[in-house]
Amino acid sequence: MRAYDIILKKRNGGKLTKEEIEFMVNGYVKGDVPDYQMSAFLMAVYFRHMDTEERAILTEVMANSGDKVDLSSIPGIKIDKHSTGGVGDKTTLVVGPIVASLGVPVAKMSGRALGHTGGTIDKLESIPGFRTSLTEEEFFENVRKIGIAVVGQTANLVPADKKIYALRDATATVDEVSLIAASIMSKKLAGGADGYVLDVKVGSGAFMKTIEQATELAEAMVGIAKSHGKKAVAVLTNMDVPLGKMVGNSLEVLEAIETLKGNGPEDFTQLCITLSAWMCHLAEKGTYEECVQLAKEALESGKALEKFREFVKYQGGNPEVVDRPTKILPMTDKIVEFTAPEDGYITAIDTEKIGIASNYLGAGRKTKEDTIDYSVGIEIIKKLGDYVKKGEPIAKMYVSEKSDLQTAQKLLLESYKFSSEKPEHKPIILGIVK
């Protein structure tokens, strides 16, 4: 078998066998297939795509390229949640405690900030003392004792994805559905859960800009999960506006705590209840409608808030963050208001630019070596459909001495569009793929 023949077969639209996909992926990880041939292979896939069976095989081969987590010793049905990345997306901090408080084990590996989107691990690390690196024994023990643990991905989890993603990034082959789906789902399969709730973002702040693209990706990921005997549901969600009001690490933890206390923004609260309900439903806690009620009760009773406190304590964080978040979290006291440049209804927000503006303030990374400033970020005061007067504050920037305030202000100015006509309301939940 030769890499040349496999590249040629896919370039000409042929269907690849398991042996051929294994040859390319495993050969590339070992160094037997060079960069230039893997680049050509990825470009052939980009233009010719993969069918359902090829996607499932690619995902499995990538998942088997490194360590795998065996969760079978933890009682119960383990359901994982994955978001395709958005701005202000702090759902794991609320959804995890809700479902754990309802008896669904949450044994989760999460990522760091990527591009304009924030990372769950960075947000959790803004809580003083919080450890996102646990030994395997600690990880399992926490899930058994309190029902939840969230850690960063281990170095040898799906090494094929790390190596292939870096090459995709350098060869303009990132945005192909089979490759995106295999990248995401290989990490999910290696994580060992019994099922997945996939939060697929759609809109200006998402990697998928249209509902058609998002639906195609959702169907691909659900298809891969089912072909490996896993339960899955995808929820298509609106990312044409930042989720909730806060963008930035400590700010998002603050908003998550307020949501667990029942004071969260309507869109964010609704999304958290929806995702929690689907996770509970897949874990066989009742019908979806029954699980919606369970999730609401967990919030209203304070059960989910207490589970969050326990979660923080068990991972070394200061549990007082629940009662005194603004005192415990690192938060700058230097705030600069961003005001409306004209009268009118807010008709559009370029959410990706909001995420990038937050990064310029110091909340994200330009390179993986950059350090994050947990204290900075953006608070969205006015959202789509709100009427504003010229000079009225529409956002607040939380800044430090290192913030590039000028660039952030310029990006905010470019983000907002105004009109005399009120725009049509767009719901947070745009569709379900099962």
Protein backbone atom coordinates (compact mmCIF):
# COMPACT_ATOMS: atom_id res chain seq x y z
CA MET A 1 0.00 0.00 0.00
CA ARG A 2 1.30 3.48 -0.93
CA ALA A 3 0.20 6.94 0.21
CA TYR A 4 0.32 8.02 -3.46
CA ASP A 5 -2.36 5.49 -4.47
CA ILE A 6 -4.65 6.45 -1.58
CA ILE A 7 -4.33 10.18 -2.40
CA LEU A 8 -5.07 9.44 -6.07
CA LYS A 9 -8.11 7.30 -5.18
CA LYS A 10 -9.64 10.03 -3.00
CA ARG A 11 -8.72 12.77 -5.48
CA ASN A 12 -10.71 10.86 -8.11
CA GLY A 13 -13.72 10.53 -5.78
CA GLY A 14 -13.19 6.95 -4.63
CA LYS A 15 -14.36 5.52 -1.30
CA LEU A 16 -11.51 4.63 1.07
CA THR A 17 -11.29 1.39 3.04
CA LYS A 18 -10.50 1.14 6.75
CA GLU A 19 -7.00 -0.13 5.91
CA GLU A 20 -6.33 2.87 3.64
CA ILE A 21 -7.49 5.41 6.24
CA GLU A 22 -5.43 3.63 8.94
CA PHE A 23 -2.40 3.66 6.66
CA MET A 24 -2.61 7.45 6.18
CA VAL A 25 -3.45 8.49 9.76
CA ASN A 26 -1.20 6.06 11.65
CA GLY A 27 1.58 6.54 9.11
CA TYR A 28 1.42 10.31 9.57
CA VAL A 29 1.48 10.06 13.39
CA LYS A 30 4.52 7.72 13.24
CA GLY A 31 6.31 9.93 10.69
CA ASP A 32 6.18 7.39 7.83
CA VAL A 33 3.80 9.57 5.76
CA PRO A 34 5.41 12.99 5.17
CA ASP A 35 3.69 16.38 5.57
CA TYR A 36 3.46 16.96 1.82
CA GLN A 37 1.55 13.73 1.20
CA MET A 38 -0.78 14.23 4.18
CA SER A 39 -1.42 17.78 2.93
CA ALA A 40 -2.39 16.41 -0.47
CA PHE A 41 -4.63 13.81 1.19
CA LEU A 42 -6.41 16.48 3.27
CA MET A 43 -6.94 18.64 0.18
CA ALA A 44 -8.38 15.62 -1.68
CA VAL A 45 -10.81 15.06 1.23
CA TYR A 46 -11.59 18.79 1.26
CA PHE A 47 -12.80 18.71 -2.36
CA ARG A 48 -14.14 15.12 -2.57
CA HIS A 49 -15.44 14.76 1.02
CA MET A 50 -16.12 11.51 2.88
CA ASP A 51 -19.30 9.48 3.22
CA THR A 52 -20.85 8.40 6.54
CA GLU A 53 -18.84 5.17 6.74
CA GLU A 54 -15.51 6.86 5.93
CA ARG A 55 -16.16 9.55 8.58
CA ALA A 56 -16.88 6.90 11.22
CA ILE A 57 -13.66 5.03 10.34
CA LEU A 58 -11.54 8.20 10.32
CA THR A 59 -12.93 9.16 13.75
CA GLU A 60 -12.25 5.70 15.19
CA VAL A 61 -8.68 5.56 13.84
CA MET A 62 -7.93 9.01 15.27
CA ALA A 63 -9.53 8.12 18.64
CA ASN A 64 -7.34 4.98 18.83
CA SER A 65 -4.12 6.92 18.14
CA GLY A 66 -3.41 7.61 21.84
CA ASP A 67 -4.75 7.23 25.37
CA LYS A 68 -8.42 6.44 25.94
CA VAL A 69 -10.41 7.00 29.12
CA ASP A 70 -12.37 4.05 30.51
CA LEU A 71 -15.32 5.36 32.55
CA SER A 72 -16.94 1.94 33.04
CA SER A 73 -15.99 1.86 36.75
CA ILE A 74 -18.18 4.93 37.39
CA PRO A 75 -21.82 3.92 38.01
CA GLY A 76 -24.55 5.37 35.82
CA ILE A 77 -24.89 6.51 32.21
CA LYS A 78 -22.15 9.05 31.46
CA ILE A 79 -23.23 11.85 29.11
CA ASP A 80 -20.73 14.41 27.81
CA LYS A 81 -21.49 17.86 26.40
CA HIS A 82 -19.53 19.57 23.65
CA SER A 83 -19.81 23.09 22.25
CA THR A 84 -18.38 23.96 18.84
CA GLY A 85 -17.17 27.25 20.33
CA GLY A 86 -18.74 30.63 20.82
CA VAL A 87 -18.40 34.01 22.50
CA GLY A 88 -19.55 34.18 26.12
CA ASP A 89 -20.16 30.41 26.16
CA LYS A 90 -19.81 29.42 29.80
CA THR A 91 -22.49 26.69 29.71
CA THR A 92 -20.37 23.87 31.21
CA LEU A 93 -20.08 25.88 34.46
CA VAL A 94 -23.88 25.79 34.84
CA VAL A 95 -24.92 22.64 32.97
CA GLY A 96 -22.35 20.42 34.73
CA PRO A 97 -23.62 21.23 38.26
CA ILE A 98 -27.28 20.99 37.17
CA VAL A 99 -26.99 17.47 35.73
CA ALA A 100 -24.58 16.26 38.45
CA SER A 101 -27.12 17.40 41.07
CA LEU A 102 -29.71 15.25 39.24
CA GLY A 103 -27.58 12.10 39.46
CA VAL A 104 -25.99 12.16 35.99
CA PRO A 105 -22.20 11.67 36.29
CA VAL A 106 -20.15 14.43 34.58
CA ALA A 107 -16.60 13.24 33.80
CA LYS A 108 -15.50 15.92 31.38
CA MET A 109 -12.39 16.93 29.51
CA SER A 110 -12.50 20.51 28.22
CA GLY A 111 -10.32 22.79 26.13
CA ARG A 112 -8.66 26.18 26.32
CA ALA A 113 -9.39 29.32 24.29
CA LEU A 114 -9.17 28.82 20.52
CA GLY A 115 -9.13 31.87 18.21
CA HIS A 116 -11.96 34.26 19.13
CA THR A 117 -13.72 31.69 21.36
CA GLY A 118 -13.09 31.23 25.06
CA GLY A 119 -12.07 27.99 26.79
CA THR A 120 -13.78 26.33 29.76
CA ILE A 121 -10.44 25.42 31.36
CA ASP A 122 -9.24 29.05 31.28
CA LYS A 123 -12.51 30.19 32.87
CA LEU A 124 -12.28 27.65 35.69
CA GLU A 125 -8.65 28.58 36.33
CA SER A 126 -9.71 32.17 37.04
CA ILE A 127 -11.11 30.80 40.35
CA PRO A 128 -8.18 31.05 42.82
CA GLY A 129 -6.69 27.63 43.55
CA PHE A 130 -8.85 25.72 41.04
CA ARG A 131 -6.93 22.74 39.60
CA THR A 132 -7.72 21.59 36.07
CA SER A 133 -4.92 18.99 36.12
CA LEU A 134 -5.96 16.03 38.27
CA THR A 135 -4.42 12.58 38.44
CA GLU A 136 -6.58 9.87 36.89
CA GLU A 137 -7.29 8.61 40.43
CA GLU A 138 -8.43 12.08 41.61
CA PHE A 139 -10.56 12.55 38.48
CA PHE A 140 -12.42 9.25 39.01
CA GLU A 141 -12.69 9.76 42.78
CA ASN A 142 -14.30 13.20 42.37
CA VAL A 143 -16.89 11.87 39.90
CA ARG A 144 -17.70 8.96 42.22
CA LYS A 145 -17.98 11.18 45.32
CA ILE A 146 -19.73 14.31 44.03
CA GLY A 147 -20.76 13.38 40.47
CA ILE A 148 -18.59 15.89 38.61
CA ALA A 149 -15.00 16.60 37.56
CA VAL A 150 -13.76 18.82 34.71
CA VAL A 151 -10.13 18.65 33.59
CA GLY A 152 -7.93 19.73 30.69
CA GLN A 153 -7.24 17.21 27.94
CA THR A 154 -4.26 14.91 28.56
CA ALA A 155 -1.21 15.31 26.35
CA ASN A 156 -1.60 11.91 24.71
CA LEU A 157 -5.37 12.05 24.06
CA VAL A 158 -5.89 11.72 20.27
CA PRO A 159 -2.38 12.75 19.15
CA ALA A 160 -3.50 12.18 15.55
CA ASP A 161 -5.94 15.08 15.87
CA LYS A 162 -3.31 17.46 17.27
CA LYS A 163 -0.89 16.68 14.45
CA ILE A 164 -3.51 16.68 11.66
CA TYR A 165 -5.23 19.84 12.96
CA ALA A 166 -1.93 21.76 12.90
CA LEU A 167 -1.47 20.69 9.27
CA ARG A 168 -5.08 21.58 8.37
CA ASP A 169 -4.54 25.00 9.90
CA ALA A 170 -1.48 25.54 7.69
CA THR A 171 -3.02 24.18 4.47
CA ALA A 172 -6.48 25.86 4.38
CA THR A 173 -8.32 22.57 4.99
CA VAL A 174 -9.88 23.33 8.39
CA ASP A 175 -13.47 24.00 7.30
CA GLU A 176 -14.47 20.65 5.78
CA VAL A 177 -17.35 18.86 7.52
CA SER A 178 -15.84 15.34 7.63
CA LEU A 179 -12.56 16.66 9.04
CA ILE A 180 -14.27 18.92 11.61
CA ALA A 181 -16.65 16.14 12.72
CA ALA A 182 -13.84 13.56 13.02
CA SER A 183 -11.67 16.02 14.96
CA ILE A 184 -14.43 16.72 17.51
CA MET A 185 -15.85 13.21 17.78
CA SER A 186 -12.47 11.43 18.04
CA LYS A 187 -11.83 13.35 21.28
CA LYS A 188 -15.36 12.54 22.48
CA LEU A 189 -14.93 8.80 21.76
CA ALA A 190 -11.54 8.76 23.51
CA GLY A 191 -13.19 10.47 26.52
CA GLY A 192 -15.23 7.35 27.23
CA ALA A 193 -18.78 8.73 27.72
CA ASP A 194 -21.91 6.74 26.79
CA GLY A 195 -23.52 9.62 24.91
CA TYR A 196 -23.14 13.23 23.86
CA VAL A 197 -25.14 16.42 23.73
CA LEU A 198 -23.59 18.58 21.01
CA ASP A 199 -24.12 22.35 21.16
CA VAL A 200 -23.56 23.42 17.54
CA LYS A 201 -23.25 27.20 17.31
CA VAL A 202 -24.62 29.12 14.31
CA GLY A 203 -23.97 32.73 13.28
CA SER A 204 -21.47 35.56 13.25
CA GLY A 205 -19.65 34.39 16.39
CA ALA A 206 -19.52 30.72 15.37
CA PHE A 207 -17.31 28.68 13.06
CA MET A 208 -20.52 27.66 11.23
CA LYS A 209 -22.02 30.88 9.86
CA THR A 210 -25.25 29.47 8.36
CA ILE A 211 -27.96 27.10 9.59
CA GLU A 212 -27.26 24.85 6.57
CA GLN A 213 -23.56 24.46 7.50
CA ALA A 214 -24.41 23.86 11.17
CA THR A 215 -27.08 21.25 10.31
CA GLU A 216 -24.63 19.39 8.06
CA LEU A 217 -22.01 19.31 10.84
CA ALA A 218 -24.59 18.28 13.46
CA GLU A 219 -25.85 15.42 11.28
CA ALA A 220 -22.26 14.28 10.64
CA MET A 221 -21.39 14.23 14.36
CA VAL A 222 -24.62 12.53 15.45
CA GLY A 223 -24.09 9.98 12.66
CA ILE A 224 -20.55 9.22 13.85
CA ALA A 225 -21.72 8.80 17.47
CA LYS A 226 -24.51 6.42 16.50
CA SER A 227 -22.23 4.37 14.23
CA HIS A 228 -20.09 3.73 17.33
CA GLY A 229 -23.08 2.68 19.44
CA LYS A 230 -23.30 5.98 21.36
CA LYS A 231 -26.36 8.10 22.11
CA ALA A 232 -26.30 11.62 20.67
CA VAL A 233 -28.38 14.72 20.09
CA ALA A 234 -27.27 18.04 18.61
CA VAL A 235 -28.80 21.37 19.58
CA LEU A 236 -28.36 24.19 17.02
CA THR A 237 -27.96 27.46 18.92
CA ASN A 238 -27.84 31.12 17.99
CA MET A 239 -24.39 32.78 18.07
CA ASP A 240 -25.33 35.97 16.22
CA VAL A 241 -25.04 37.64 19.62
CA PRO A 242 -22.70 36.89 22.54
CA LEU A 243 -24.25 34.33 24.89
CA GLY A 244 -25.49 36.06 28.02
CA LYS A 245 -23.87 39.42 28.78
CA MET A 246 -20.33 38.64 29.90
CA VAL A 247 -17.28 37.87 27.72
CA GLY A 248 -14.00 37.16 29.54
CA ASN A 249 -12.86 34.63 32.11
CA SER A 250 -13.72 35.96 35.60
CA LEU A 251 -16.70 37.84 34.18
CA GLU A 252 -18.12 34.61 32.75
CA VAL A 253 -17.60 32.73 36.03
CA LEU A 254 -19.47 35.58 37.77
CA GLU A 255 -22.35 35.25 35.28
CA ALA A 256 -22.44 31.46 35.68
CA ILE A 257 -22.72 31.83 39.47
CA GLU A 258 -25.50 34.42 39.10
CA THR A 259 -27.32 32.03 36.73
CA LEU A 260 -27.03 29.20 39.27
CA LYS A 261 -28.59 31.62 41.80
CA GLY A 262 -31.51 32.18 39.40
CA ASN A 263 -30.40 35.64 38.25
CA GLY A 264 -28.95 34.76 34.84
CA PRO A 265 -29.74 36.34 31.47
CA GLU A 266 -32.77 34.80 29.81
CA ASP A 267 -31.00 33.44 26.69
CA PHE A 268 -28.18 31.83 28.67
CA THR A 269 -30.52 30.33 31.29
CA GLN A 270 -32.77 28.87 28.59
CA LEU A 271 -29.81 27.28 26.79
CA CYS A 272 -28.45 25.77 30.02
CA ILE A 273 -31.85 24.24 30.86
CA THR A 274 -32.20 22.85 27.32
CA LEU A 275 -28.73 21.25 27.27
CA SER A 276 -29.17 19.90 30.82
CA ALA A 277 -32.55 18.39 29.91
CA TRP A 278 -31.14 16.60 26.86
CA MET A 279 -28.23 15.23 28.94
CA CYS A 280 -30.66 13.94 31.58
CA HIS A 281 -32.92 12.48 28.89
CA LEU A 282 -30.01 10.59 27.29
CA ALA A 283 -29.09 9.37 30.80
CA GLU A 284 -32.65 7.94 31.04
CA LYS A 285 -33.88 10.25 33.82
CA GLY A 286 -37.21 10.78 32.06
CA THR A 287 -38.77 12.21 28.91
CA TYR A 288 -37.21 15.41 27.58
CA GLU A 289 -40.14 17.44 28.95
CA GLU A 290 -39.80 15.82 32.39
CA CYS A 291 -36.07 16.54 32.33
CA VAL A 292 -36.72 20.23 31.56
CA GLN A 293 -38.73 20.41 34.80
CA LEU A 294 -35.98 18.59 36.72
CA ALA A 295 -33.37 21.06 35.45
CA LYS A 296 -35.54 24.05 36.39
CA GLU A 297 -36.11 22.62 39.87
CA ALA A 298 -32.35 22.05 40.34
CA LEU A 299 -31.81 25.76 39.68
CA GLU A 300 -34.78 27.02 41.71
CA SER A 301 -34.05 24.84 44.76
CA GLY A 302 -30.38 25.82 44.95
CA LYS A 303 -29.28 22.17 44.43
CA ALA A 304 -27.23 23.09 41.36
CA LEU A 305 -25.57 26.03 43.13
CA GLU A 306 -24.50 23.80 46.03
CA LYS A 307 -23.14 21.25 43.55
CA PHE A 308 -21.05 24.02 41.94
CA ARG A 309 -19.69 24.96 45.39
CA GLU A 310 -18.77 21.31 46.02
CA PHE A 311 -17.21 21.02 42.55
CA VAL A 312 -15.00 24.08 43.15
CA LYS A 313 -13.94 22.82 46.60
CA TYR A 314 -13.06 19.31 45.39
CA GLN A 315 -10.82 20.71 42.64
CA GLY A 316 -8.89 22.95 45.03
CA GLY A 317 -10.71 26.22 44.33
CA ASN A 318 -11.97 28.70 46.90
CA PRO A 319 -15.65 27.77 47.53
CA GLU A 320 -16.31 31.28 48.88
CA VAL A 321 -16.42 32.33 45.23
CA VAL A 322 -20.09 31.28 45.35
CA ASP A 323 -20.96 33.81 48.06
CA ARG A 324 -18.48 36.61 47.25
CA PRO A 325 -17.61 36.24 43.55
CA THR A 326 -16.63 39.88 42.98
CA LYS A 327 -14.24 39.72 45.97
CA ILE A 328 -12.70 36.33 45.22
CA LEU A 329 -12.39 36.43 41.41
CA PRO A 330 -9.59 38.50 39.88
CA MET A 331 -11.54 41.45 38.41
CA THR A 332 -10.16 44.79 37.28
CA ASP A 333 -11.76 47.93 38.69
CA LYS A 334 -10.87 49.94 35.58
CA ILE A 335 -13.99 50.11 33.39
CA VAL A 336 -14.37 52.03 30.12
CA GLU A 337 -17.86 52.54 28.70
CA PHE A 338 -18.51 52.05 25.00
CA THR A 339 -21.37 54.29 23.84
CA ALA A 340 -23.76 54.18 20.88
CA PRO A 341 -22.45 56.25 17.93
CA GLU A 342 -26.04 56.98 16.74
CA ASP A 343 -29.74 56.59 17.60
CA GLY A 344 -31.56 53.44 16.49
CA TYR A 345 -32.32 49.78 17.03
CA ILE A 346 -29.34 47.42 17.23
CA THR A 347 -29.86 45.28 14.13
CA ALA A 348 -26.61 43.30 14.05
CA ILE A 349 -23.64 42.46 16.27
CA ASP A 350 -20.55 40.90 14.69
CA THR A 351 -20.02 38.50 17.56
CA GLU A 352 -16.67 37.21 16.29
CA LYS A 353 -15.31 40.79 16.52
CA ILE A 354 -16.61 41.03 20.10
CA GLY A 355 -14.58 37.90 20.93
CA ILE A 356 -11.49 39.32 19.21
CA ALA A 357 -11.95 42.66 21.03
CA SER A 358 -12.02 40.78 24.33
CA ASN A 359 -8.75 39.10 23.34
CA TYR A 360 -7.15 42.50 22.65
CA LEU A 361 -8.11 43.51 26.18
CA GLY A 362 -6.13 40.46 27.36
CA ALA A 363 -8.85 37.81 27.87
CA GLY A 364 -7.53 35.42 25.19
CA ARG A 365 -4.36 34.29 23.47
CA LYS A 366 -2.81 35.33 20.15
CA THR A 367 -0.34 32.42 20.45
CA LYS A 368 -0.57 29.34 22.68
CA GLU A 369 2.34 30.67 24.78
CA ASP A 370 0.47 33.87 25.73
CA THR A 371 -0.75 34.27 29.31
CA ILE A 372 -4.38 35.22 29.91
CA ASP A 373 -5.49 38.15 32.04
CA TYR A 374 -8.45 36.69 33.95
CA SER A 375 -9.58 40.13 35.17
CA VAL A 376 -10.53 41.72 31.83
CA GLY A 377 -13.34 41.36 29.30
CA ILE A 378 -16.51 42.91 27.94
CA GLU A 379 -20.00 43.29 29.35
CA ILE A 380 -22.73 43.60 26.73
CA ILE A 381 -25.35 46.02 28.08
CA LYS A 382 -27.54 46.31 24.96
CA LYS A 383 -28.28 43.44 22.58
CA LEU A 384 -30.07 42.82 19.27
CA GLY A 385 -33.43 44.59 19.04
CA ASP A 386 -32.69 47.10 21.81
CA TYR A 387 -33.31 50.78 20.99
CA VAL A 388 -30.46 53.11 21.98
CA LYS A 389 -29.79 56.84 21.94
CA LYS A 390 -26.50 58.29 20.69
CA GLY A 391 -24.05 58.48 23.60
CA GLU A 392 -25.89 55.81 25.64
CA PRO A 393 -23.61 53.04 27.03
CA ILE A 394 -24.05 49.80 25.10
CA ALA A 395 -21.06 47.87 26.45
CA LYS A 396 -18.46 48.08 29.20
CA MET A 397 -14.81 47.18 28.73
CA TYR A 398 -12.97 45.84 31.75
CA VAL A 399 -9.35 46.81 31.07
CA SER A 400 -5.83 46.59 32.52
CA GLU A 401 -2.57 48.43 31.78
CA LYS A 402 -1.69 45.80 29.15
CA SER A 403 -5.03 46.07 27.28
CA ASP A 404 -4.99 47.34 23.70
CA LEU A 405 -7.99 49.58 24.35
CA GLN A 406 -7.80 51.44 21.04
CA THR A 407 -8.04 48.27 18.91
CA ALA A 408 -10.81 46.85 21.13
CA GLN A 409 -12.85 50.07 20.78
CA LYS A 410 -12.37 50.04 17.00
CA LEU A 411 -13.60 46.43 16.82
CA LEU A 412 -16.65 47.22 18.96
CA LEU A 413 -17.49 50.17 16.71
CA GLU A 414 -17.30 47.86 13.68
CA SER A 415 -19.38 45.17 15.45
CA TYR A 416 -22.62 47.10 15.94
CA LYS A 417 -25.12 48.01 13.21
CA PHE A 418 -28.09 50.34 13.81
CA SER A 419 -31.37 51.05 12.00
CA SER A 420 -34.68 52.85 12.50
CA GLU A 421 -36.43 49.47 11.92
CA LYS A 422 -36.64 46.94 14.75
CA PRO A 423 -35.08 43.61 13.68
CA GLU A 424 -36.91 40.28 13.84
CA HIS A 425 -36.32 38.37 17.09
CA LYS A 426 -34.19 35.23 16.70
CA PRO A 427 -34.55 32.52 19.39
CA ILE A 428 -31.57 30.96 21.17
CA ILE A 429 -32.54 27.41 20.11
CA LEU A 430 -32.64 27.11 16.30
CA GLY A 431 -33.15 23.38 15.87
CA ILE A 432 -32.53 19.83 17.12
CA VAL A 433 -30.76 17.01 15.24
CA LYS A 434 -31.26 13.48 16.62
